[in-house]
Amino acid sequence: MAEVQAEMTASVWQVTVGVGDVVGVGDTLFILESMKMEIPVTSPVAGTVARIAVSERDNVLRGDLLAVIE
């Protein structure tokens, strides 16, 4: 199991996966927006998306849980 956390304070611009989706290492899970820049958040492991903890337009802080991959 791997927890995917926000690496910076940002807004969730796009959620590109859903619960139950199978992902590989490096697949884009979210796109965050900070200071007019788009920052992709990728999967650190291969597995299945077990939980998505944020929605589009949510504001997140560094360290906030975004998703859980099993």
PDB file of N, CA and C in Angstrom:
ATOM      1  N   MET A   1       0.848  -1.181   0.000  1.00  0.00           N
ATOM      2  CA  MET A   1       0.000   0.000   0.000  1.00  0.00           C
ATOM      3  C   MET A   1       0.889   1.238   0.000  1.00  0.00           C
ATOM      4  N   ALA A   2       0.524   2.218  -0.795  1.00  0.00           N
ATOM      5  CA  ALA A   2       1.267   3.475  -0.856  1.00  0.00           C
ATOM      6  C   ALA A   2       0.287   4.634  -0.747  1.00  0.00           C
ATOM      7  N   GLU A   3       0.645   5.600   0.082  1.00  0.00           N
ATOM      8  CA  GLU A   3      -0.136   6.825   0.176  1.00  0.00           C
ATOM      9  C   GLU A   3       0.502   7.869  -0.730  1.00  0.00           C
ATOM     10  N   VAL A   4      -0.310   8.512  -1.527  1.00  0.00           N
ATOM     11  CA  VAL A   4       0.160   9.582  -2.398  1.00  0.00           C
ATOM     12  C   VAL A   4      -0.210  10.895  -1.718  1.00  0.00           C
ATOM     13  N   GLN A   5       0.800  11.723  -1.458  1.00  0.00           N
ATOM     14  CA  GLN A   5       0.583  12.976  -0.748  1.00  0.00           C
ATOM     15  C   GLN A   5       0.943  14.165  -1.627  1.00  0.00           C
ATOM     16  N   ALA A   6       0.339  15.297  -1.301  1.00  0.00           N
ATOM     17  CA  ALA A   6       0.659  16.535  -2.010  1.00  0.00           C
ATOM     18  C   ALA A   6       2.073  16.973  -1.644  1.00  0.00           C
ATOM     19  N   GLU A   7       2.835  17.361  -2.640  1.00  0.00           N
ATOM     20  CA  GLU A   7       4.205  17.805  -2.396  1.00  0.00           C
ATOM     21  C   GLU A   7       4.295  19.311  -2.169  1.00  0.00           C
ATOM     22  N   MET A   8       3.166  20.005  -2.361  1.00  0.00           N
ATOM     23  CA  MET A   8       3.157  21.460  -2.177  1.00  0.00           C
ATOM     24  C   MET A   8       1.727  21.930  -1.961  1.00  0.00           C
ATOM     25  N   THR A   9       1.593  23.142  -1.517  1.00  0.00           N
ATOM     26  CA  THR A   9       0.280  23.770  -1.409  1.00  0.00           C
ATOM     27  C   THR A   9      -0.194  24.080  -2.824  1.00  0.00           C
ATOM     28  N   ALA A  10      -1.402  23.640  -3.143  1.00  0.00           N
ATOM     29  CA  ALA A  10      -1.911  23.803  -4.504  1.00  0.00           C
ATOM     30  C   ALA A  10      -3.416  23.589  -4.520  1.00  0.00           C
ATOM     31  N   SER A  11      -3.972  23.712  -5.709  1.00  0.00           N
ATOM     32  CA  SER A  11      -5.371  23.407  -5.967  1.00  0.00           C
ATOM     33  C   SER A  11      -5.426  22.172  -6.859  1.00  0.00           C
ATOM     34  N   VAL A  12      -6.373  21.291  -6.590  1.00  0.00           N
ATOM     35  CA  VAL A  12      -6.536  20.097  -7.432  1.00  0.00           C
ATOM     36  C   VAL A  12      -7.260  20.544  -8.701  1.00  0.00           C
ATOM     37  N   TRP A  13      -6.532  20.557  -9.800  1.00  0.00           N
ATOM     38  CA  TRP A  13      -7.092  21.005 -11.065  1.00  0.00           C
ATOM     39  C   TRP A  13      -7.823  19.866 -11.774  1.00  0.00           C
ATOM     40  N   GLN A  14      -7.242  18.651 -11.713  1.00  0.00           N
ATOM     41  CA  GLN A  14      -7.860  17.522 -12.406  1.00  0.00           C
ATOM     42  C   GLN A  14      -7.529  16.217 -11.680  1.00  0.00           C
ATOM     43  N   VAL A  15      -8.545  15.360 -11.537  1.00  0.00           N
ATOM     44  CA  VAL A  15      -8.366  14.005 -11.038  1.00  0.00           C
ATOM     45  C   VAL A  15      -8.466  13.094 -12.260  1.00  0.00           C
ATOM     46  N   THR A  16      -7.400  12.349 -12.552  1.00  0.00           N
ATOM     47  CA  THR A  16      -7.358  11.587 -13.805  1.00  0.00           C
ATOM     48  C   THR A  16      -7.613  10.104 -13.620  1.00  0.00           C
ATOM     49  N   VAL A  17      -7.847   9.663 -12.376  1.00  0.00           N
ATOM     50  CA  VAL A  17      -8.119   8.245 -12.100  1.00  0.00           C
ATOM     51  C   VAL A  17      -9.336   8.130 -11.203  1.00  0.00           C
ATOM     52  N   GLY A  18      -9.856   6.914 -11.113  1.00  0.00           N
ATOM     53  CA  GLY A  18     -10.972   6.642 -10.225  1.00  0.00           C
ATOM     54  C   GLY A  18     -10.663   5.444  -9.350  1.00  0.00           C
ATOM     55  N   VAL A  19     -11.446   5.269  -8.305  1.00  0.00           N
ATOM     56  CA  VAL A  19     -11.285   4.105  -7.437  1.00  0.00           C
ATOM     57  C   VAL A  19     -11.483   2.847  -8.268  1.00  0.00           C
ATOM     58  N   GLY A  20     -10.570   1.903  -8.108  1.00  0.00           N
ATOM     59  CA  GLY A  20     -10.622   0.656  -8.856  1.00  0.00           C
ATOM     60  C   GLY A  20      -9.769   0.647 -10.104  1.00  0.00           C
ATOM     61  N   ASP A  21      -9.288   1.811 -10.521  1.00  0.00           N
ATOM     62  CA  ASP A  21      -8.419   1.871 -11.703  1.00  0.00           C
ATOM     63  C   ASP A  21      -7.068   1.231 -11.399  1.00  0.00           C
ATOM     64  N   VAL A  22      -6.531   0.509 -12.367  1.00  0.00           N
ATOM     65  CA  VAL A  22      -5.200  -0.069 -12.247  1.00  0.00           C
ATOM     66  C   VAL A  22      -4.211   0.934 -12.815  1.00  0.00           C
ATOM     67  N   VAL A  23      -3.150   1.229 -12.037  1.00  0.00           N
ATOM     68  CA  VAL A  23      -2.144   2.203 -12.456  1.00  0.00           C
ATOM     69  C   VAL A  23      -0.756   1.582 -12.401  1.00  0.00           C
ATOM     70  N   GLY A  24       0.138   2.136 -13.186  1.00  0.00           N
ATOM     71  CA  GLY A  24       1.526   1.714 -13.194  1.00  0.00           C
ATOM     72  C   GLY A  24       2.404   2.802 -12.608  1.00  0.00           C
ATOM     73  N   VAL A  25       3.643   2.473 -12.341  1.00  0.00           N
ATOM     74  CA  VAL A  25       4.596   3.459 -11.830  1.00  0.00           C
ATOM     75  C   VAL A  25       4.713   4.597 -12.848  1.00  0.00           C
ATOM     76  N   GLY A  26       4.554   5.820 -12.379  1.00  0.00           N
ATOM     77  CA  GLY A  26       4.684   6.981 -13.249  1.00  0.00           C
ATOM     78  C   GLY A  26       3.405   7.434 -13.931  1.00  0.00           C
ATOM     79  N   ASP A  27       2.321   6.671 -13.780  1.00  0.00           N
ATOM     80  CA  ASP A  27       1.040   7.109 -14.366  1.00  0.00           C
ATOM     81  C   ASP A  27       0.547   8.355 -13.636  1.00  0.00           C
ATOM     82  N   THR A  28      -0.026   9.295 -14.370  1.00  0.00           N
ATOM     83  CA  THR A  28      -0.550  10.522 -13.774  1.00  0.00           C
ATOM     84  C   THR A  28      -1.855  10.237 -13.042  1.00  0.00           C
ATOM     85  N   LEU A  29      -1.905  10.643 -11.778  1.00  0.00           N
ATOM     86  CA  LEU A  29      -3.100  10.465 -10.953  1.00  0.00           C
ATOM     87  C   LEU A  29      -3.893  11.761 -10.823  1.00  0.00           C
ATOM     88  N   PHE A  30      -3.171  12.855 -10.674  1.00  0.00           N
ATOM     89  CA  PHE A  30      -3.782  14.175 -10.471  1.00  0.00           C
ATOM     90  C   PHE A  30      -2.946  15.217 -11.188  1.00  0.00           C
ATOM     91  N   ILE A  31      -3.579  16.349 -11.460  1.00  0.00           N
ATOM     92  CA  ILE A  31      -2.839  17.526 -11.901  1.00  0.00           C
ATOM     93  C   ILE A  31      -3.185  18.624 -10.906  1.00  0.00           C
ATOM     94  N   LEU A  32      -2.153  19.122 -10.245  1.00  0.00           N
ATOM     95  CA  LEU A  32      -2.325  20.221  -9.310  1.00  0.00           C
ATOM     96  C   LEU A  32      -1.981  21.525 -10.006  1.00  0.00           C
ATOM     97  N   GLU A  33      -2.536  22.622  -9.499  1.00  0.00           N
ATOM     98  CA  GLU A  33      -2.247  23.937 -10.061  1.00  0.00           C
ATOM     99  C   GLU A  33      -1.773  24.828  -8.929  1.00  0.00           C
ATOM    100  N   SER A  34      -0.615  25.440  -9.152  1.00  0.00           N
ATOM    101  CA  SER A  34      -0.067  26.371  -8.173  1.00  0.00           C
ATOM    102  C   SER A  34       0.655  27.479  -8.922  1.00  0.00           C
ATOM    103  N   MET A  35       0.303  28.688  -8.618  1.00  0.00           N
ATOM    104  CA  MET A  35       0.940  29.861  -9.241  1.00  0.00           C
ATOM    105  C   MET A  35       0.904  29.773 -10.770  1.00  0.00           C
ATOM    106  N   LYS A  36      -0.238  29.367 -11.295  1.00  0.00           N
ATOM    107  CA  LYS A  36      -0.482  29.273 -12.747  1.00  0.00           C
ATOM    108  C   LYS A  36       0.325  28.162 -13.425  1.00  0.00           C
ATOM    109  N   MET A  37       0.934  27.270 -12.638  1.00  0.00           N
ATOM    110  CA  MET A  37       1.673  26.143 -13.203  1.00  0.00           C
ATOM    111  C   MET A  37       0.903  24.855 -12.937  1.00  0.00           C
ATOM    112  N   GLU A  38       0.909  23.955 -13.904  1.00  0.00           N
ATOM    113  CA  GLU A  38       0.281  22.645 -13.742  1.00  0.00           C
ATOM    114  C   GLU A  38       1.353  21.642 -13.327  1.00  0.00           C
ATOM    115  N   ILE A  39       1.095  20.934 -12.231  1.00  0.00           N
ATOM    116  CA  ILE A  39       2.059  19.988 -11.690  1.00  0.00           C
ATOM    117  C   ILE A  39       1.429  18.597 -11.670  1.00  0.00           C
ATOM    118  N   PRO A  40       1.936  17.657 -12.484  1.00  0.00           N
ATOM    119  CA  PRO A  40       1.374  16.307 -12.451  1.00  0.00           C
ATOM    120  C   PRO A  40       1.827  15.570 -11.195  1.00  0.00           C
ATOM    121  N   VAL A  41       0.913  14.789 -10.619  1.00  0.00           N
ATOM    122  CA  VAL A  41       1.230  13.908  -9.495  1.00  0.00           C
ATOM    123  C   VAL A  41       1.128  12.489 -10.029  1.00  0.00           C
ATOM    124  N   THR A  42       2.224  11.755  -9.945  1.00  0.00           N
ATOM    125  CA  THR A  42       2.275  10.420 -10.534  1.00  0.00           C
ATOM    126  C   THR A  42       2.292   9.336  -9.469  1.00  0.00           C
ATOM    127  N   SER A  43       1.953   8.134  -9.893  1.00  0.00           N
ATOM    128  CA  SER A  43       1.922   6.996  -8.982  1.00  0.00           C
ATOM    129  C   SER A  43       3.345   6.514  -8.676  1.00  0.00           C
ATOM    130  N   PRO A  44       3.655   6.343  -7.386  1.00  0.00           N
ATOM    131  CA  PRO A  44       4.981   5.842  -7.021  1.00  0.00           C
ATOM    132  C   PRO A  44       5.096   4.323  -7.145  1.00  0.00           C
ATOM    133  N   VAL A  45       3.958   3.644  -7.265  1.00  0.00           N
ATOM    134  CA  VAL A  45       3.924   2.178  -7.327  1.00  0.00           C
ATOM    135  C   VAL A  45       2.882   1.726  -8.342  1.00  0.00           C
ATOM    136  N   ALA A  46       2.989   0.472  -8.748  1.00  0.00           N
ATOM    137  CA  ALA A  46       1.947  -0.136  -9.574  1.00  0.00           C
ATOM    138  C   ALA A  46       0.911  -0.747  -8.643  1.00  0.00           C
ATOM    139  N   GLY A  47      -0.343  -0.663  -9.022  1.00  0.00           N
ATOM    140  CA  GLY A  47      -1.392  -1.244  -8.188  1.00  0.00           C
ATOM    141  C   GLY A  47      -2.763  -0.742  -8.596  1.00  0.00           C
ATOM    142  N   THR A  48      -3.686  -0.846  -7.645  1.00  0.00           N
ATOM    143  CA  THR A  48      -5.068  -0.440  -7.864  1.00  0.00           C
ATOM    144  C   THR A  48      -5.391   0.735  -6.959  1.00  0.00           C
ATOM    145  N   VAL A  49      -6.082   1.732  -7.507  1.00  0.00           N
ATOM    146  CA  VAL A  49      -6.479   2.897  -6.709  1.00  0.00           C
ATOM    147  C   VAL A  49      -7.553   2.439  -5.721  1.00  0.00           C
ATOM    148  N   ALA A  50      -7.229   2.504  -4.426  1.00  0.00           N
ATOM    149  CA  ALA A  50      -8.151   2.060  -3.387  1.00  0.00           C
ATOM    150  C   ALA A  50      -8.975   3.212  -2.815  1.00  0.00           C
ATOM    151  N   ARG A  51      -8.403   4.414  -2.839  1.00  0.00           N
ATOM    152  CA  ARG A  51      -9.104   5.568  -2.261  1.00  0.00           C
ATOM    153  C   ARG A  51      -8.612   6.835  -2.917  1.00  0.00           C
ATOM    154  N   ILE A  52      -9.536   7.741  -3.159  1.00  0.00           N
ATOM    155  CA  ILE A  52      -9.202   9.094  -3.603  1.00  0.00           C
ATOM    156  C   ILE A  52      -9.728  10.038  -2.526  1.00  0.00           C
ATOM    157  N   ALA A  53      -8.829  10.815  -1.962  1.00  0.00           N
ATOM    158  CA  ALA A  53      -9.171  11.634  -0.802  1.00  0.00           C
ATOM    159  C   ALA A  53      -9.495  13.085  -1.146  1.00  0.00           C
ATOM    160  N   VAL A  54      -9.406  13.465  -2.415  1.00  0.00           N
ATOM    161  CA  VAL A  54      -9.662  14.848  -2.814  1.00  0.00           C
ATOM    162  C   VAL A  54     -10.572  14.880  -4.034  1.00  0.00           C
ATOM    163  N   SER A  55     -11.108  16.047  -4.290  1.00  0.00           N
ATOM    164  CA  SER A  55     -11.938  16.285  -5.476  1.00  0.00           C
ATOM    165  C   SER A  55     -11.362  17.467  -6.243  1.00  0.00           C
ATOM    166  N   GLU A  56     -11.758  17.583  -7.492  1.00  0.00           N
ATOM    167  CA  GLU A  56     -11.320  18.734  -8.282  1.00  0.00           C
ATOM    168  C   GLU A  56     -11.774  20.014  -7.588  1.00  0.00           C
ATOM    169  N   ARG A  57     -10.914  21.012  -7.644  1.00  0.00           N
ATOM    170  CA  ARG A  57     -11.085  22.334  -7.040  1.00  0.00           C
ATOM    171  C   ARG A  57     -10.769  22.372  -5.550  1.00  0.00           C
ATOM    172  N   ASP A  58     -10.459  21.216  -4.934  1.00  0.00           N
ATOM    173  CA  ASP A  58     -10.037  21.232  -3.531  1.00  0.00           C
ATOM    174  C   ASP A  58      -8.678  21.913  -3.415  1.00  0.00           C
ATOM    175  N   ASN A  59      -8.456  22.586  -2.312  1.00  0.00           N
ATOM    176  CA  ASN A  59      -7.142  23.135  -2.001  1.00  0.00           C
ATOM    177  C   ASN A  59      -6.444  22.156  -1.071  1.00  0.00           C
ATOM    178  N   VAL A  60      -5.177  21.887  -1.337  1.00  0.00           N
ATOM    179  CA  VAL A  60      -4.413  20.953  -0.511  1.00  0.00           C
ATOM    180  C   VAL A  60      -3.141  21.628  -0.006  1.00  0.00           C
ATOM    181  N   LEU A  61      -2.680  21.136   1.122  1.00  0.00           N
ATOM    182  CA  LEU A  61      -1.433  21.599   1.696  1.00  0.00           C
ATOM    183  C   LEU A  61      -0.385  20.513   1.521  1.00  0.00           C
ATOM    184  N   ARG A  62       0.867  20.891   1.609  1.00  0.00           N
ATOM    185  CA  ARG A  62       1.947  19.914   1.511  1.00  0.00           C
ATOM    186  C   ARG A  62       1.729  18.827   2.564  1.00  0.00           C
ATOM    187  N   GLY A  63       1.787  17.562   2.118  1.00  0.00           N
ATOM    188  CA  GLY A  63       1.608  16.436   3.020  1.00  0.00           C
ATOM    189  C   GLY A  63       0.189  15.906   3.102  1.00  0.00           C
ATOM    190  N   ASP A  64      -0.780  16.616   2.540  1.00  0.00           N
ATOM    191  CA  ASP A  64      -2.166  16.128   2.557  1.00  0.00           C
ATOM    192  C   ASP A  64      -2.282  14.848   1.722  1.00  0.00           C
ATOM    193  N   LEU A  65      -3.105  13.930   2.192  1.00  0.00           N
ATOM    194  CA  LEU A  65      -3.350  12.689   1.473  1.00  0.00           C
ATOM    195  C   LEU A  65      -4.182  12.968   0.223  1.00  0.00           C
ATOM    196  N   LEU A  66      -3.707  12.472  -0.918  1.00  0.00           N
ATOM    197  CA  LEU A  66      -4.446  12.592  -2.164  1.00  0.00           C
ATOM    198  C   LEU A  66      -5.114  11.268  -2.533  1.00  0.00           C
ATOM    199  N   ALA A  67      -4.361  10.162  -2.397  1.00  0.00           N
ATOM    200  CA  ALA A  67      -4.882   8.858  -2.797  1.00  0.00           C
ATOM    201  C   ALA A  67      -4.130   7.738  -2.097  1.00  0.00           C
ATOM    202  N   VAL A  68      -4.741   6.554  -2.127  1.00  0.00           N
ATOM    203  CA  VAL A  68      -4.100   5.344  -1.619  1.00  0.00           C
ATOM    204  C   VAL A  68      -4.083   4.337  -2.760  1.00  0.00           C
ATOM    205  N   ILE A  69      -2.902   3.765  -3.016  1.00  0.00           N
ATOM    206  CA  ILE A  69      -2.723   2.746  -4.059  1.00  0.00           C
ATOM    207  C   ILE A  69      -2.406   1.428  -3.349  1.00  0.00           C
ATOM    208  N   GLU A  70      -3.128   0.379  -3.686  1.00  0.00           N
ATOM    209  CA  GLU A  70      -2.865  -0.954  -3.107  1.00  0.00           C
ATOM    210  C   GLU A  70      -2.262  -1.855  -4.145  1.00  0.00           C
TER     211      GLU A  70
END
